[in-house]
Amino acid sequence: MHIFFLIFIIIGYICVLFVSIYTLIYIFRHQQNYGIRYTAVLYFLTIFNAVIIYSTLYLFSIIIFFSENINLIFWKLSIIFGIIELILISLIYTFLKEYKKIPYFPFAFFTILFGMLIGSLFSPNSIQIFIDSSNSHPFFLVDSSISYTFNIITGIIGIILQGSMMIYWFAISIIIFKKPRNEEKIKNLINNTIFFSFPILMYILYITLQISIFRELHILLLWINIIGVCLLLVKKPELFLELTKKIYYLNIYHKSGILLYSYKFIPTTNEIDSTIWGNILIGINHILSEFIDTKDQIEVLQTDNSDIIVNYDEIGFAVVLITNHKNAILKNLMEKFAEDFKNKYKSELTEIQDLNKLINVSEFKETKDIVEKYFQMYL
């Protein structure tokens, strides 16, 4: 390996390591920014695997020669964790389309190919190592080079697996593009997909042509992408939430059924649905509340075009959210919104506990600030 590439790769690794560690700490401390804990854990594992595990194994296997067996183990493990990384990224793309709804066929296909790849890696002569130095090991590869060659079966499986995941990312991006919530975010997703493809293409070229420059370009391009993703995860975490999710209305009702506040995100196919369904739900549950516990009240109602989610509070109000599809992220945001709303207007809400009390809805006009605080990514 040329000294230029060696220095460049080591500096690159140190930079991406520091950025990723900062990002991991940030994700751990600000899990609420990513909707729910599940998505925060997914992003944490993706960054951790890409840098701490995959990049370290990859780096050790190409710049330090320990012995043929040890370097082969490092290289094969880097391949395994590299595929795990692509699977994690595929999950992120899937959740950008629709949270926690994993399509069976693509991931079954990925799993089968992954199993075949692991089986191939542990077969004799699946990968061979070549070193052109007479130095005693271990040593840094400054004036020498190390290369790995794949046998036909291992190489073909690796190419098909990586290529199919790349195609899957573009397919998801196109599907999301056809029903966008925010045009700017969709353009960012497509651009990111193109950038994510370059490291994979470099790896495929390395498997095919066995030229080490493609191997170095793969890891450097990957690190550039990781740094970019880390910056977005810290600065704009809303870009990683479900991009096809739409919110139509957010209404707040008094237990008497009076509308305290309403916020329209985007028009619905039938704009009167917001008020009608909200009043029906509140009316039904106000009657039922005389006979059953709060836990038994209706929380979700589905129509042909929307889901209506209700969050009740014991102080006497309910938040009604009309969306194209409910998920745990929205439910979590509603709970935080309702708690903040209650704290801000606790005195006003306490005063109107009496159903005979005159309600002045203008007192709640500043609720817009709370809506924008928690639902900024849907505006």
Protein backbone atom coordinates (compact mmCIF):
# COMPACT_ATOMS: atom_id res chain seq x y z
CA MET A 1 0.00 0.00 0.00
CA HIS A 2 1.31 3.42 -0.93
CA ILE A 3 2.24 5.63 2.01
CA PHE A 4 -0.25 8.27 0.78
CA PHE A 5 -3.18 5.87 1.02
CA LEU A 6 -2.00 4.52 4.36
CA ILE A 7 -1.84 7.98 5.97
CA PHE A 8 -5.11 9.05 4.35
CA ILE A 9 -6.94 5.94 5.56
CA ILE A 10 -5.61 6.21 9.12
CA ILE A 11 -6.58 9.91 9.34
CA GLY A 12 -9.97 9.09 7.86
CA TYR A 13 -10.55 6.35 10.41
CA ILE A 14 -9.64 8.63 13.31
CA CYS A 15 -11.99 11.35 12.03
CA VAL A 16 -14.96 9.02 11.46
CA LEU A 17 -14.31 7.37 14.83
CA PHE A 18 -14.55 10.67 16.73
CA VAL A 19 -17.63 11.80 14.78
CA SER A 20 -19.39 8.48 15.28
CA ILE A 21 -18.63 8.33 19.03
CA TYR A 22 -20.08 11.82 19.45
CA THR A 23 -23.15 10.79 17.43
CA LEU A 24 -23.63 7.60 19.45
CA ILE A 25 -23.52 9.59 22.69
CA TYR A 26 -25.97 12.12 21.24
CA ILE A 27 -28.42 9.40 20.13
CA PHE A 28 -28.20 7.74 23.54
CA ARG A 29 -28.91 11.00 25.37
CA HIS A 30 -31.59 12.33 22.97
CA GLN A 31 -33.58 9.24 22.05
CA GLN A 32 -36.81 11.26 22.02
CA ASN A 33 -35.62 13.14 18.92
CA TYR A 34 -36.02 9.99 16.86
CA GLY A 35 -39.68 9.35 17.65
CA ILE A 36 -39.44 6.26 19.82
CA ARG A 37 -36.71 4.23 21.45
CA TYR A 38 -36.86 1.48 18.83
CA THR A 39 -35.77 3.77 15.98
CA ALA A 40 -33.07 5.37 18.15
CA VAL A 41 -31.67 1.90 18.90
CA LEU A 42 -31.69 1.06 15.18
CA TYR A 43 -29.68 4.19 14.30
CA PHE A 44 -27.33 3.57 17.22
CA LEU A 45 -26.64 -0.02 16.09
CA THR A 46 -26.16 1.08 12.47
CA ILE A 47 -23.49 3.66 13.33
CA PHE A 48 -21.86 1.42 15.95
CA ASN A 49 -21.61 -1.51 13.57
CA ALA A 50 -20.40 0.59 10.62
CA VAL A 51 -17.54 2.26 12.48
CA ILE A 52 -16.65 0.47 15.69
CA ILE A 53 -16.95 -3.08 14.27
CA TYR A 54 -16.88 -3.12 10.47
CA SER A 55 -14.40 -0.29 9.86
CA THR A 56 -12.02 -1.54 12.56
CA LEU A 57 -11.97 -5.09 11.19
CA TYR A 58 -11.62 -3.78 7.65
CA LEU A 59 -8.77 -1.46 8.60
CA PHE A 60 -6.83 -4.08 10.53
CA SER A 61 -7.12 -6.59 7.70
CA ILE A 62 -5.64 -4.27 5.06
CA ILE A 63 -2.99 -2.17 6.84
CA ILE A 64 -1.52 -4.61 9.41
CA PHE A 65 -0.26 -8.09 8.64
CA PHE A 66 -0.47 -10.37 11.69
CA SER A 67 -0.49 -13.76 9.99
CA GLU A 68 -2.39 -15.27 7.10
CA ASN A 69 -4.94 -16.96 9.35
CA ILE A 70 -5.56 -13.92 11.55
CA ASN A 71 -5.86 -11.53 8.61
CA LEU A 72 -8.23 -13.89 6.83
CA ILE A 73 -10.40 -14.08 9.95
CA PHE A 74 -10.46 -10.26 10.19
CA TRP A 75 -11.32 -9.96 6.48
CA LYS A 76 -14.10 -12.56 6.60
CA LEU A 77 -15.57 -11.02 9.75
CA SER A 78 -15.52 -7.62 8.05
CA ILE A 79 -17.54 -9.11 5.18
CA ILE A 80 -20.11 -10.56 7.59
CA PHE A 81 -20.50 -7.33 9.57
CA GLY A 82 -20.53 -5.35 6.31
CA ILE A 83 -23.58 -7.32 5.16
CA ILE A 84 -25.20 -6.83 8.58
CA GLU A 85 -24.66 -3.10 8.05
CA LEU A 86 -26.44 -3.23 4.69
CA ILE A 87 -29.34 -5.11 6.30
CA LEU A 88 -29.62 -2.44 9.01
CA ILE A 89 -29.65 0.27 6.35
CA SER A 90 -32.33 -1.67 4.47
CA LEU A 91 -34.43 -1.69 7.65
CA ILE A 92 -34.03 2.07 7.94
CA TYR A 93 -35.23 2.50 4.36
CA THR A 94 -38.18 0.21 5.09
CA PHE A 95 -39.18 2.24 8.15
CA LEU A 96 -38.88 5.48 6.18
CA LYS A 97 -41.65 4.09 3.99
CA GLU A 98 -43.77 2.58 6.76
CA TYR A 99 -42.70 2.08 10.35
CA LYS A 100 -42.27 -1.51 11.57
CA LYS A 101 -43.81 -3.05 8.44
CA ILE A 102 -41.09 -5.27 6.99
CA PRO A 103 -41.80 -6.81 3.56
CA TYR A 104 -41.41 -10.57 3.68
CA PHE A 105 -39.90 -11.40 0.28
CA PRO A 106 -36.94 -8.95 0.10
CA PHE A 107 -35.70 -9.71 3.60
CA ALA A 108 -36.25 -13.46 3.20
CA PHE A 109 -34.15 -13.22 0.02
CA PHE A 110 -31.44 -11.23 1.82
CA THR A 111 -31.41 -13.74 4.68
CA ILE A 112 -31.04 -16.74 2.38
CA LEU A 113 -28.19 -15.13 0.44
CA PHE A 114 -26.54 -14.03 3.69
CA GLY A 115 -26.67 -17.60 4.98
CA MET A 116 -25.19 -18.87 1.72
CA LEU A 117 -22.42 -16.27 1.95
CA ILE A 118 -21.51 -17.25 5.51
CA GLY A 119 -21.43 -20.91 4.50
CA SER A 120 -19.22 -20.08 1.54
CA LEU A 121 -16.84 -17.97 3.65
CA PHE A 122 -16.15 -20.89 5.98
CA SER A 123 -15.47 -23.31 3.14
CA PRO A 124 -11.83 -23.99 2.13
CA ASN A 125 -10.19 -21.49 -0.24
CA SER A 126 -13.25 -19.22 -0.35
CA ILE A 127 -10.85 -16.28 0.02
CA GLN A 128 -7.10 -16.32 -0.49
CA ILE A 129 -4.59 -13.84 0.86
CA PHE A 130 -1.51 -12.56 -0.97
CA ILE A 131 1.29 -10.51 0.57
CA ASP A 132 4.28 -9.19 -1.39
CA SER A 133 6.66 -8.45 1.49
CA SER A 134 9.47 -10.39 3.10
CA ASN A 135 9.16 -8.53 6.41
CA SER A 136 8.48 -10.52 9.53
CA HIS A 137 4.98 -10.13 10.87
CA PRO A 138 3.25 -8.27 12.36
CA PHE A 139 4.01 -5.08 10.40
CA PHE A 140 2.30 -2.08 8.82
CA LEU A 141 1.91 -2.33 5.08
CA VAL A 142 3.85 0.77 4.03
CA ASP A 143 6.13 -0.44 1.23
CA SER A 144 4.21 -3.65 0.71
CA SER A 145 0.63 -4.66 -0.02
CA ILE A 146 -1.90 -7.25 0.96
CA SER A 147 -4.73 -8.44 -1.24
CA TYR A 148 -7.61 -10.86 -1.00
CA THR A 149 -9.10 -12.84 -3.87
CA PHE A 150 -12.57 -14.36 -3.84
CA ASN A 151 -13.40 -17.68 -5.41
CA ILE A 152 -16.18 -17.65 -8.00
CA ILE A 153 -19.01 -18.81 -5.72
CA THR A 154 -18.20 -16.43 -2.85
CA GLY A 155 -17.71 -13.53 -5.23
CA ILE A 156 -20.99 -14.11 -7.08
CA ILE A 157 -23.00 -14.45 -3.86
CA GLY A 158 -21.41 -11.29 -2.47
CA ILE A 159 -22.10 -9.31 -5.64
CA ILE A 160 -25.72 -10.48 -5.90
CA LEU A 161 -26.40 -9.79 -2.21
CA GLN A 162 -24.94 -6.28 -2.23
CA GLY A 163 -26.44 -5.45 -5.59
CA SER A 164 -29.92 -6.60 -4.57
CA MET A 165 -29.84 -4.45 -1.42
CA MET A 166 -28.78 -1.44 -3.47
CA ILE A 167 -31.68 -2.07 -5.87
CA TYR A 168 -34.02 -2.38 -2.87
CA TRP A 169 -32.94 1.05 -1.58
CA PHE A 170 -33.69 2.64 -4.95
CA ALA A 171 -37.05 0.83 -5.14
CA ILE A 172 -38.06 2.16 -1.71
CA SER A 173 -36.89 5.66 -2.67
CA ILE A 174 -39.03 5.57 -5.82
CA ILE A 175 -42.09 4.35 -3.88
CA ILE A 176 -41.66 7.16 -1.34
CA PHE A 177 -41.09 9.66 -4.17
CA LYS A 178 -44.53 8.84 -5.58
CA LYS A 179 -46.30 9.79 -2.35
CA PRO A 180 -44.13 12.39 -0.64
CA ARG A 181 -44.89 14.37 2.49
CA ASN A 182 -42.10 16.86 1.98
CA GLU A 183 -40.46 17.39 -1.43
CA GLU A 184 -37.16 18.60 0.03
CA LYS A 185 -36.82 15.53 2.26
CA ILE A 186 -37.57 13.21 -0.68
CA LYS A 187 -34.83 14.84 -2.75
CA ASN A 188 -32.43 14.37 0.17
CA LEU A 189 -33.40 10.69 0.39
CA ILE A 190 -32.73 10.12 -3.33
CA ASN A 191 -29.39 11.94 -3.13
CA ASN A 192 -28.41 9.88 -0.07
CA THR A 193 -29.35 6.67 -1.88
CA ILE A 194 -27.07 7.60 -4.77
CA PHE A 195 -24.21 8.42 -2.41
CA PHE A 196 -24.75 5.18 -0.43
CA SER A 197 -24.43 3.23 -3.68
CA PHE A 198 -20.88 4.37 -4.44
CA PRO A 199 -19.14 2.37 -1.64
CA ILE A 200 -21.08 -0.75 -2.70
CA LEU A 201 -20.11 -0.26 -6.34
CA MET A 202 -16.46 0.11 -5.32
CA TYR A 203 -16.63 -3.14 -3.34
CA ILE A 204 -18.28 -4.97 -6.23
CA LEU A 205 -15.52 -3.69 -8.55
CA TYR A 206 -12.90 -4.91 -6.08
CA ILE A 207 -14.45 -8.39 -5.98
CA THR A 208 -14.62 -8.47 -9.77
CA LEU A 209 -11.30 -6.90 -10.76
CA GLN A 210 -9.19 -7.60 -7.62
CA ILE A 211 -7.61 -4.12 -7.86
CA SER A 212 -6.79 -2.73 -4.41
CA ILE A 213 -7.58 0.91 -5.31
CA PHE A 214 -11.30 0.02 -5.35
CA ARG A 215 -10.94 -1.46 -1.85
CA GLU A 216 -9.47 1.78 -0.50
CA LEU A 217 -12.07 3.88 -2.34
CA HIS A 218 -14.82 1.73 -0.82
CA ILE A 219 -13.85 2.41 2.77
CA LEU A 220 -13.10 6.11 2.20
CA LEU A 221 -16.44 6.73 0.45
CA LEU A 222 -18.19 4.78 3.20
CA TRP A 223 -16.63 6.99 5.86
CA ILE A 224 -17.67 10.14 3.99
CA ASN A 225 -21.25 8.84 3.93
CA ILE A 226 -21.12 7.93 7.61
CA ILE A 227 -19.90 11.41 8.59
CA GLY A 228 -22.71 12.94 6.53
CA VAL A 229 -25.32 10.67 8.14
CA CYS A 230 -23.95 11.43 11.62
CA LEU A 231 -24.30 15.16 11.00
CA LEU A 232 -27.90 14.69 9.86
CA LEU A 233 -28.73 12.46 12.82
CA VAL A 234 -27.56 15.21 15.16
CA LYS A 235 -28.77 18.31 13.28
CA LYS A 236 -31.90 17.05 11.47
CA PRO A 237 -33.15 13.82 13.07
CA GLU A 238 -36.62 14.37 11.57
CA LEU A 239 -35.20 13.38 8.16
CA PHE A 240 -35.01 9.79 9.41
CA LEU A 241 -38.64 9.47 10.41
CA GLU A 242 -41.29 7.85 8.26
CA LEU A 243 -41.44 9.97 5.09
CA THR A 244 -44.84 8.78 3.88
CA LYS A 245 -46.57 9.63 7.16
CA LYS A 246 -49.11 12.44 6.92
CA ILE A 247 -51.01 14.28 9.65
CA TYR A 248 -54.22 16.03 8.59
CA TYR A 249 -55.55 17.53 11.83
CA LEU A 250 -54.77 17.81 15.49
CA ASN A 251 -57.80 18.72 17.63
CA ILE A 252 -58.09 19.21 21.38
CA TYR A 253 -61.51 18.62 22.93
CA HIS A 254 -62.93 19.36 26.33
CA LYS A 255 -64.71 16.40 27.92
CA SER A 256 -68.00 18.12 27.13
CA GLY A 257 -67.19 17.79 23.43
CA ILE A 258 -66.29 21.47 22.89
CA LEU A 259 -63.35 22.04 20.54
CA LEU A 260 -60.64 23.90 22.47
CA TYR A 261 -58.08 24.08 19.68
CA SER A 262 -57.60 22.82 16.12
CA TYR A 263 -54.51 22.72 13.91
CA LYS A 264 -54.70 21.79 10.23
CA PHE A 265 -51.51 20.26 8.78
CA ILE A 266 -52.74 19.46 5.25
CA PRO A 267 -56.23 19.27 3.72
CA THR A 268 -58.09 15.94 3.90
CA THR A 269 -60.34 14.51 1.19
CA ASN A 270 -63.27 15.53 3.38
CA GLU A 271 -62.43 18.38 5.70
CA ILE A 272 -65.53 17.95 7.88
CA ASP A 273 -64.22 14.51 8.92
CA SER A 274 -62.00 16.21 11.49
CA THR A 275 -64.80 17.77 13.52
CA ILE A 276 -67.40 15.06 13.00
CA TRP A 277 -65.22 12.12 13.99
CA GLY A 278 -63.67 14.01 16.86
CA ASN A 279 -67.07 14.89 18.33
CA ILE A 280 -68.35 11.34 17.85
CA LEU A 281 -65.35 9.87 19.66
CA ILE A 282 -65.46 12.32 22.53
CA GLY A 283 -69.22 11.90 22.91
CA ILE A 284 -69.05 8.11 22.94
CA ASN A 285 -66.20 8.01 25.40
CA HIS A 286 -67.69 10.63 27.69
CA ILE A 287 -70.76 8.40 28.03
CA LEU A 288 -68.69 5.25 28.43
CA SER A 289 -66.46 6.93 31.01
CA GLU A 290 -69.36 6.83 33.43
CA PHE A 291 -69.27 3.04 33.35
CA ILE A 292 -65.76 1.89 32.43
CA ASP A 293 -62.16 2.71 33.25
CA THR A 294 -60.07 5.05 31.13
CA LYS A 295 -58.02 2.13 29.82
CA ASP A 296 -61.15 0.75 28.14
CA GLN A 297 -61.95 3.90 26.16
CA ILE A 298 -61.63 4.01 22.38
CA GLU A 299 -58.11 5.07 21.39
CA VAL A 300 -58.06 4.43 17.62
CA LEU A 301 -60.80 4.58 14.99
CA GLN A 302 -60.11 3.62 11.37
CA THR A 303 -61.87 4.96 8.28
CA ASP A 304 -61.22 4.25 4.60
CA ASN A 305 -58.79 7.13 4.23
CA SER A 306 -57.46 7.81 7.71
CA ASP A 307 -56.76 6.67 11.24
CA ILE A 308 -58.03 8.74 14.18
CA ILE A 309 -55.92 8.48 17.33
CA VAL A 310 -57.17 9.74 20.68
CA ASN A 311 -55.13 10.54 23.78
CA TYR A 312 -57.13 11.12 26.96
CA ASP A 313 -56.09 13.02 30.04
CA GLU A 314 -57.63 12.69 33.50
CA ILE A 315 -57.88 16.46 33.85
CA GLY A 316 -60.72 16.50 31.32
CA PHE A 317 -59.48 16.91 27.74
CA ALA A 318 -58.57 14.67 24.82
CA VAL A 319 -56.14 15.13 21.91
CA VAL A 320 -57.47 13.81 18.60
CA LEU A 321 -55.00 13.24 15.76
CA ILE A 322 -56.17 12.42 12.23
CA THR A 323 -53.45 10.75 10.14
CA ASN A 324 -53.17 8.53 7.08
CA HIS A 325 -51.77 5.71 9.24
CA LYS A 326 -51.15 5.36 12.96
CA ASN A 327 -47.87 4.17 14.44
CA ALA A 328 -45.99 4.14 17.75
CA ILE A 329 -44.04 7.28 16.86
CA LEU A 330 -47.19 9.38 16.58
CA LYS A 331 -48.60 7.91 19.76
CA ASN A 332 -45.42 8.80 21.62
CA LEU A 333 -45.44 12.36 20.26
CA MET A 334 -49.10 12.76 21.23
CA GLU A 335 -48.38 11.72 24.81
CA LYS A 336 -45.56 14.26 25.09
CA PHE A 337 -47.71 16.95 23.47
CA ALA A 338 -50.64 16.27 25.82
CA GLU A 339 -48.38 16.44 28.88
CA ASP A 340 -46.88 19.75 27.75
CA PHE A 341 -50.34 21.14 26.93
CA LYS A 342 -51.61 20.16 30.38
CA ASN A 343 -48.65 21.80 32.13
CA LYS A 344 -49.02 25.02 30.12
CA TYR A 345 -52.79 25.38 30.65
CA LYS A 346 -53.24 23.58 33.95
CA SER A 347 -55.04 26.47 35.66
CA GLU A 348 -57.40 27.04 32.70
CA LEU A 349 -58.17 23.31 32.42
CA THR A 350 -58.81 23.06 36.15
CA GLU A 351 -61.28 25.94 36.04
CA ILE A 352 -63.39 24.29 33.31
CA GLN A 353 -63.67 20.95 35.09
CA ASP A 354 -67.18 22.10 35.95
CA LEU A 355 -69.32 21.40 32.87
CA ASN A 356 -71.46 24.45 33.71
CA LYS A 357 -68.45 26.74 33.51
CA LEU A 358 -68.24 29.05 30.46
CA ILE A 359 -65.29 27.99 28.25
CA ASN A 360 -63.22 30.69 26.54
CA VAL A 361 -61.36 28.84 23.75
CA SER A 362 -59.25 31.92 22.95
CA GLU A 363 -57.23 31.13 26.08
CA PHE A 364 -55.68 28.19 24.21
CA LYS A 365 -54.62 30.04 21.05
CA GLU A 366 -50.91 29.74 21.87
CA THR A 367 -51.14 25.95 21.60
CA LYS A 368 -49.68 26.38 18.10
CA ASP A 369 -46.21 26.73 19.65
CA ILE A 370 -46.55 23.33 21.34
CA VAL A 371 -47.81 21.73 18.11
CA GLU A 372 -44.82 23.04 16.19
CA LYS A 373 -42.48 21.91 18.95
CA TYR A 374 -43.51 18.25 18.78
CA PHE A 375 -44.75 17.86 15.18
CA GLN A 376 -42.26 20.05 13.34
CA MET A 377 -41.25 17.17 11.05
CA TYR A 378 -44.83 16.84 9.80
CA LEU A 379 -45.36 20.52 8.95
